[in-house]
Amino acid sequence: AKQQDFFLKDSRTSQSRFRACSHPPPMAIGKNKKIKTGKKGNKKRLQDPFVRKEWYDVRAPNVFRKRVVGKTVVTKTAGTKIASDGLKGRVFTCSLADLANSEDKSFRKIKLRCEDVVGQACLTNFWGMDFTSDKLRSLVRKWQSLIEAHVDVKTLDGYLIRMFCIGFTRRQTNQLRKTSYAKSSQIRAIRKKMIDIMTKVASHCDLKHLVRRFIAESIGSTIQRACERTYPLQDVYIRKVKMLKAPKFDAVKLQELHADIPGRDDTGVKVAVAGAPAAPVVAAPVQAPLVGEQPQ
């Protein structure tokens, strides 16, 4: 048998059988479809992805002093894919220092969730709160007890939230002992008071007034005063608020949350320019005396 033969025929079985050859015959390029040949003019043109994007303003509720938080980007409406559907449900995290115009509250992070889109503005609502990591680590020290408590409570307007409270024991007046550890019975009593106060405050107000209490730190102060007789506390905060369940969307309530409050807009105050002419002073009209009344 020759080495160049590719197919051999078996005389006994009358079937063609394949022999592995070290040098198979060459194959034409046009016959094999698996061989890729370069085609001219088929390169995809590169396009900037932001050409198909548009920007929307993120507006915070009127509980906060600063209303416009920032901007967010979304793909433009194309076909059945609407841009507003991509924005609804989006959660934004921002610092309370920016929302309240106060640097003292920079350790709190506020979560805002987009509920509706009106024009080029995303109307948001409160969706949670948390501490920054550096603030939480700065509170933990040696020679004191850390006490934490959490509770699930429903507000008057139907929001189910989970509140986390944190507090630390402090040294008493004229204390000589180095440590300030509380007993287990005292810790249980303090934790019970924390849960009772958080439940009472949150269940007797709606979400808007509850957020105002979070900003003012009034719940932590109330817990600290209530636990003073059990064991003195310090650095009592509502550490975290998690939204578990929200009621059905109500457009009227959302519009009330975003109604402009006088005195809370970002417009400036008129400033007198040096060299500018003063505004004319208009005298108040003098009312004529009534009949029988002495003129003043």
Protein backbone atom coordinates (compact mmCIF):
# COMPACT_ATOMS: atom_id res chain seq x y z
CA ALA A 1 0.00 0.00 0.00
CA LYS A 2 1.26 3.41 -0.91
CA GLN A 3 1.65 6.18 1.72
CA GLN A 4 -0.16 8.71 -0.48
CA ASP A 5 -3.38 6.72 -0.54
CA PHE A 6 -5.91 8.37 1.74
CA PHE A 7 -8.76 5.88 1.49
CA LEU A 8 -8.24 2.14 1.17
CA LYS A 9 -10.80 -0.43 0.35
CA ASP A 10 -10.95 -3.62 2.37
CA SER A 11 -11.53 -6.60 0.10
CA ARG A 12 -13.17 -8.69 2.81
CA THR A 13 -15.72 -6.12 4.07
CA SER A 14 -16.06 -4.11 0.84
CA GLN A 15 -16.04 -0.93 3.03
CA SER A 16 -13.85 2.09 2.85
CA ARG A 17 -11.54 2.46 5.80
CA PHE A 18 -9.62 5.52 6.88
CA ARG A 19 -5.84 5.45 7.27
CA ALA A 20 -4.09 8.20 9.25
CA CYS A 21 -1.67 9.90 6.94
CA SER A 22 1.25 12.03 8.01
CA HIS A 23 0.71 14.37 5.06
CA PRO A 24 -3.02 14.72 4.20
CA PRO A 25 -3.82 16.25 0.83
CA PRO A 26 -4.25 20.05 0.81
CA MET A 27 -7.78 21.53 0.95
CA ALA A 28 -8.98 24.55 -0.92
CA ILE A 29 -9.78 27.61 1.20
CA GLY A 30 -13.07 28.25 -0.50
CA LYS A 31 -14.37 24.76 0.28
CA ASN A 32 -13.91 24.84 4.08
CA LYS A 33 -16.44 27.16 5.75
CA LYS A 34 -14.61 27.08 9.07
CA ILE A 35 -11.66 29.00 7.71
CA LYS A 36 -12.33 32.68 8.37
CA THR A 37 -11.32 35.11 5.73
CA GLY A 38 -11.03 38.82 6.36
CA LYS A 39 -13.87 40.93 4.98
CA LYS A 40 -13.36 44.56 4.21
CA GLY A 41 -15.62 47.34 5.49
CA ASN A 42 -17.29 45.33 8.27
CA LYS A 43 -15.75 47.10 11.30
CA LYS A 44 -18.19 48.35 13.95
CA ARG A 45 -18.06 52.08 14.48
CA LEU A 46 -17.27 53.07 18.08
CA GLN A 47 -19.82 55.35 19.75
CA ASP A 48 -19.71 57.18 23.04
CA PRO A 49 -22.16 55.42 25.43
CA PHE A 50 -23.17 58.73 27.01
CA VAL A 51 -24.73 59.87 23.76
CA ARG A 52 -27.73 57.68 24.58
CA LYS A 53 -27.93 58.89 28.21
CA GLU A 54 -29.79 61.74 29.89
CA TRP A 55 -29.46 63.34 33.33
CA TYR A 56 -32.13 63.78 36.00
CA ASP A 57 -32.15 65.84 39.22
CA VAL A 58 -32.50 63.96 42.52
CA ARG A 59 -34.82 65.86 44.86
CA ALA A 60 -35.02 65.14 48.59
CA PRO A 61 -38.23 65.50 50.68
CA ASN A 62 -38.97 68.81 52.36
CA VAL A 63 -37.89 67.37 55.73
CA PHE A 64 -34.33 68.21 54.71
CA ARG A 65 -33.01 71.71 54.21
CA LYS A 66 -31.26 71.04 50.90
CA ARG A 67 -33.68 69.82 48.28
CA VAL A 68 -31.54 69.04 45.21
CA VAL A 69 -29.15 66.26 46.23
CA GLY A 70 -27.41 65.69 42.92
CA LYS A 71 -27.92 64.17 39.47
CA THR A 72 -28.31 60.66 38.13
CA VAL A 73 -27.96 59.23 34.65
CA VAL A 74 -30.21 56.82 32.76
CA THR A 75 -30.57 55.53 29.20
CA LYS A 76 -32.96 57.53 27.05
CA THR A 77 -36.37 56.19 26.15
CA ALA A 78 -36.10 53.87 23.17
CA GLY A 79 -38.95 51.71 21.92
CA THR A 80 -40.70 49.94 24.78
CA LYS A 81 -37.92 50.70 27.26
CA ILE A 82 -38.93 53.86 29.14
CA ALA A 83 -36.34 55.92 31.00
CA SER A 84 -38.55 56.56 34.04
CA ASP A 85 -38.90 52.81 34.65
CA GLY A 86 -35.14 52.57 35.04
CA LEU A 87 -35.18 55.34 37.66
CA LYS A 88 -38.04 54.17 39.87
CA GLY A 89 -36.77 52.12 42.78
CA ARG A 90 -33.22 53.45 42.52
CA VAL A 91 -31.67 54.08 45.97
CA PHE A 92 -29.32 57.01 46.57
CA THR A 93 -26.99 57.28 49.57
CA CYS A 94 -25.95 60.75 50.70
CA SER A 95 -24.54 62.40 53.80
CA LEU A 96 -26.79 64.17 56.27
CA ALA A 97 -24.25 67.00 56.37
CA ASP A 98 -25.14 67.85 52.78
CA LEU A 99 -28.89 67.52 53.33
CA ALA A 100 -28.99 69.57 56.54
CA ASN A 101 -26.16 72.01 55.70
CA SER A 102 -24.39 71.05 58.94
CA GLU A 103 -20.93 69.52 59.14
CA ASP A 104 -21.62 68.21 62.66
CA LYS A 105 -23.92 65.53 61.20
CA SER A 106 -21.51 64.16 58.63
CA PHE A 107 -21.38 60.76 60.37
CA ARG A 108 -24.92 59.86 59.27
CA LYS A 109 -25.74 58.36 55.90
CA ILE A 110 -29.28 58.80 54.57
CA LYS A 111 -30.79 56.54 51.93
CA LEU A 112 -33.37 58.03 49.56
CA ARG A 113 -35.44 55.92 47.17
CA CYS A 114 -36.87 57.25 43.91
CA GLU A 115 -40.65 56.90 44.01
CA ASP A 116 -41.74 58.87 40.94
CA VAL A 117 -40.33 60.89 38.05
CA VAL A 118 -41.82 64.29 37.20
CA GLY A 119 -40.24 66.05 34.25
CA GLN A 120 -36.47 65.96 34.79
CA ALA A 121 -36.71 65.43 38.57
CA CYS A 122 -36.66 62.22 40.61
CA LEU A 123 -38.95 62.54 43.64
CA THR A 124 -37.49 60.51 46.50
CA ASN A 125 -38.57 59.39 49.95
CA PHE A 126 -36.72 58.25 53.06
CA TRP A 127 -35.51 54.66 52.74
CA GLY A 128 -33.01 54.11 55.57
CA MET A 129 -30.24 55.50 57.72
CA ASP A 130 -26.83 54.29 58.89
CA PHE A 131 -23.62 55.33 60.64
CA THR A 132 -20.28 55.78 58.95
CA SER A 133 -17.64 53.21 59.87
CA ASP A 134 -15.21 55.71 61.35
CA LYS A 135 -17.83 57.16 63.71
CA LEU A 136 -18.92 53.73 64.92
CA ARG A 137 -15.36 52.63 65.59
CA SER A 138 -14.54 55.84 67.43
CA LEU A 139 -17.33 55.19 69.95
CA VAL A 140 -16.07 51.77 71.03
CA ARG A 141 -13.53 52.07 73.84
CA LYS A 142 -12.14 49.98 76.65
CA TRP A 143 -13.39 49.82 80.26
CA GLN A 144 -17.07 50.33 79.39
CA SER A 145 -20.08 48.22 78.40
CA LEU A 146 -21.69 48.37 74.97
CA ILE A 147 -25.47 47.93 74.93
CA GLU A 148 -27.47 47.39 71.75
CA ALA A 149 -31.15 46.79 71.02
CA HIS A 150 -33.34 46.57 67.91
CA VAL A 151 -37.08 46.43 67.32
CA ASP A 152 -39.51 46.18 64.37
CA VAL A 153 -42.23 48.81 64.52
CA LYS A 154 -44.89 50.15 62.14
CA THR A 155 -45.56 53.87 61.76
CA LEU A 156 -48.96 55.49 61.49
CA ASP A 157 -48.76 55.70 57.69
CA GLY A 158 -47.94 51.99 57.28
CA TYR A 159 -44.13 51.85 57.01
CA LEU A 160 -42.57 48.83 58.71
CA ILE A 161 -39.07 49.73 59.87
CA ARG A 162 -36.37 48.12 62.00
CA MET A 163 -34.57 50.46 64.40
CA PHE A 164 -31.18 49.75 65.95
CA CYS A 165 -30.08 51.58 69.10
CA ILE A 166 -26.62 51.71 70.62
CA GLY A 167 -25.35 53.10 73.93
CA PHE A 168 -22.33 52.96 76.21
CA THR A 169 -21.94 53.13 79.97
CA ARG A 170 -20.04 56.07 81.46
CA ARG A 171 -18.23 56.84 84.67
CA GLN A 172 -20.30 58.14 87.52
CA THR A 173 -19.57 61.31 89.43
CA ASN A 174 -16.62 60.96 91.87
CA GLN A 175 -15.97 57.41 90.70
CA LEU A 176 -12.62 55.91 91.72
CA ARG A 177 -12.93 52.59 89.93
CA LYS A 178 -11.21 52.35 86.56
CA THR A 179 -13.88 50.33 84.79
CA SER A 180 -17.55 51.16 84.17
CA TYR A 181 -19.05 47.75 83.47
CA ALA A 182 -22.77 47.22 83.95
CA LYS A 183 -24.25 44.02 85.35
CA SER A 184 -26.19 41.65 83.12
CA SER A 185 -29.42 42.52 84.94
CA GLN A 186 -28.79 46.22 84.35
CA ILE A 187 -28.06 45.59 80.68
CA ARG A 188 -31.35 43.72 80.29
CA ALA A 189 -33.24 46.55 82.00
CA ILE A 190 -31.60 49.18 79.79
CA ARG A 191 -32.27 47.14 76.65
CA LYS A 192 -35.95 46.82 77.62
CA LYS A 193 -36.24 50.59 78.07
CA MET A 194 -34.62 51.14 74.69
CA ILE A 195 -37.15 48.88 72.98
CA ASP A 196 -40.11 50.45 74.81
CA ILE A 197 -39.10 54.02 73.95
CA MET A 198 -38.37 53.24 70.28
CA THR A 199 -41.71 51.43 69.92
CA LYS A 200 -43.65 54.22 71.61
CA VAL A 201 -42.08 57.01 69.56
CA ALA A 202 -42.26 55.31 66.14
CA SER A 203 -45.77 53.91 66.49
CA HIS A 204 -47.31 57.28 67.40
CA CYS A 205 -46.10 59.32 64.43
CA ASP A 206 -45.76 59.07 60.67
CA LEU A 207 -42.53 58.62 58.75
CA LYS A 208 -42.05 62.34 58.08
CA HIS A 209 -42.11 63.31 61.77
CA LEU A 210 -40.00 60.28 62.65
CA VAL A 211 -37.26 61.39 60.26
CA ARG A 212 -37.27 64.78 61.95
CA ARG A 213 -36.68 63.03 65.27
CA PHE A 214 -33.78 61.10 63.73
CA ILE A 215 -32.18 64.33 62.54
CA ALA A 216 -32.64 66.09 65.89
CA GLU A 217 -31.27 63.09 67.89
CA SER A 218 -34.21 63.38 70.29
CA ILE A 219 -34.80 59.62 70.69
CA GLY A 220 -31.26 58.99 71.93
CA SER A 221 -31.55 61.81 74.45
CA THR A 222 -34.84 60.40 75.74
CA ILE A 223 -33.32 56.95 76.22
CA GLN A 224 -30.30 58.41 78.01
CA ARG A 225 -32.49 60.30 80.50
CA ALA A 226 -34.74 57.28 81.09
CA CYS A 227 -31.79 54.96 81.87
CA GLU A 228 -29.99 57.38 84.16
CA ARG A 229 -31.28 55.71 87.33
CA THR A 230 -30.43 52.22 86.12
CA TYR A 231 -26.89 53.04 84.97
CA PRO A 232 -25.47 56.30 83.52
CA LEU A 233 -25.13 56.16 79.74
CA GLN A 234 -23.33 58.17 77.09
CA ASP A 235 -23.26 58.29 73.28
CA VAL A 236 -26.79 56.90 72.88
CA TYR A 237 -27.83 56.96 69.21
CA ILE A 238 -30.27 55.40 66.78
CA ARG A 239 -27.47 53.70 64.93
CA LYS A 240 -29.36 52.28 61.95
CA VAL A 241 -32.82 52.31 60.41
CA LYS A 242 -33.79 49.67 57.86
CA MET A 243 -36.95 49.80 55.75
CA LEU A 244 -38.65 46.40 55.80
CA LYS A 245 -41.95 47.12 54.07
CA ALA A 246 -43.52 50.18 52.49
CA PRO A 247 -47.23 50.81 51.85
CA LYS A 248 -48.76 51.14 48.42
CA PHE A 249 -47.54 54.10 46.39
CA ASP A 250 -49.59 57.26 46.93
CA ALA A 251 -48.91 60.13 44.54
CA VAL A 252 -50.74 62.69 46.68
CA LYS A 253 -48.62 62.02 49.77
CA LEU A 254 -45.47 62.14 47.69
CA GLN A 255 -46.42 65.55 46.33
CA GLU A 256 -46.99 66.76 49.90
CA LEU A 257 -43.49 65.60 50.83
CA HIS A 258 -42.04 67.61 47.95
CA ALA A 259 -44.10 70.75 48.41
CA ASP A 260 -41.85 73.79 48.70
CA ILE A 261 -41.60 75.25 52.21
CA PRO A 262 -40.99 79.02 52.35
CA GLY A 263 -37.54 79.88 53.61
CA ARG A 264 -35.98 76.53 52.59
CA ASP A 265 -35.09 77.23 49.00
CA ASP A 266 -31.57 77.72 47.75
CA THR A 267 -32.17 81.19 46.31
CA GLY A 268 -29.89 83.89 47.61
CA VAL A 269 -30.66 87.14 49.39
CA LYS A 270 -30.50 90.48 47.64
CA VAL A 271 -27.22 92.25 48.35
CA ALA A 272 -26.77 96.01 48.10
CA VAL A 273 -24.20 96.91 45.44
CA ALA A 274 -21.85 99.80 46.16
CA GLY A 275 -22.57 102.76 43.90
CA ALA A 276 -25.99 101.52 42.88
CA PRO A 277 -28.89 103.97 43.25
CA ALA A 278 -30.98 103.42 46.34
CA ALA A 279 -34.52 102.21 45.99
CA PRO A 280 -37.10 104.98 46.22
CA VAL A 281 -38.92 105.25 49.52
CA VAL A 282 -42.67 105.21 49.10
CA ALA A 283 -44.63 106.93 51.85
CA ALA A 284 -47.58 105.11 53.31
CA PRO A 285 -50.94 106.59 52.38
CA VAL A 286 -52.56 108.70 55.10
CA GLN A 287 -56.10 107.66 55.90
CA ALA A 288 -58.59 110.52 56.13
CA PRO A 289 -60.26 110.93 59.55
CA LEU A 290 -63.81 109.74 59.87
CA VAL A 291 -66.69 112.04 60.58
CA GLY A 292 -66.67 113.11 64.22
CA GLU A 293 -63.09 111.82 64.82
CA GLN A 294 -60.27 114.10 65.89
CA PRO A 295 -57.40 114.15 63.40
CA GLN A 296 -54.09 112.85 64.76
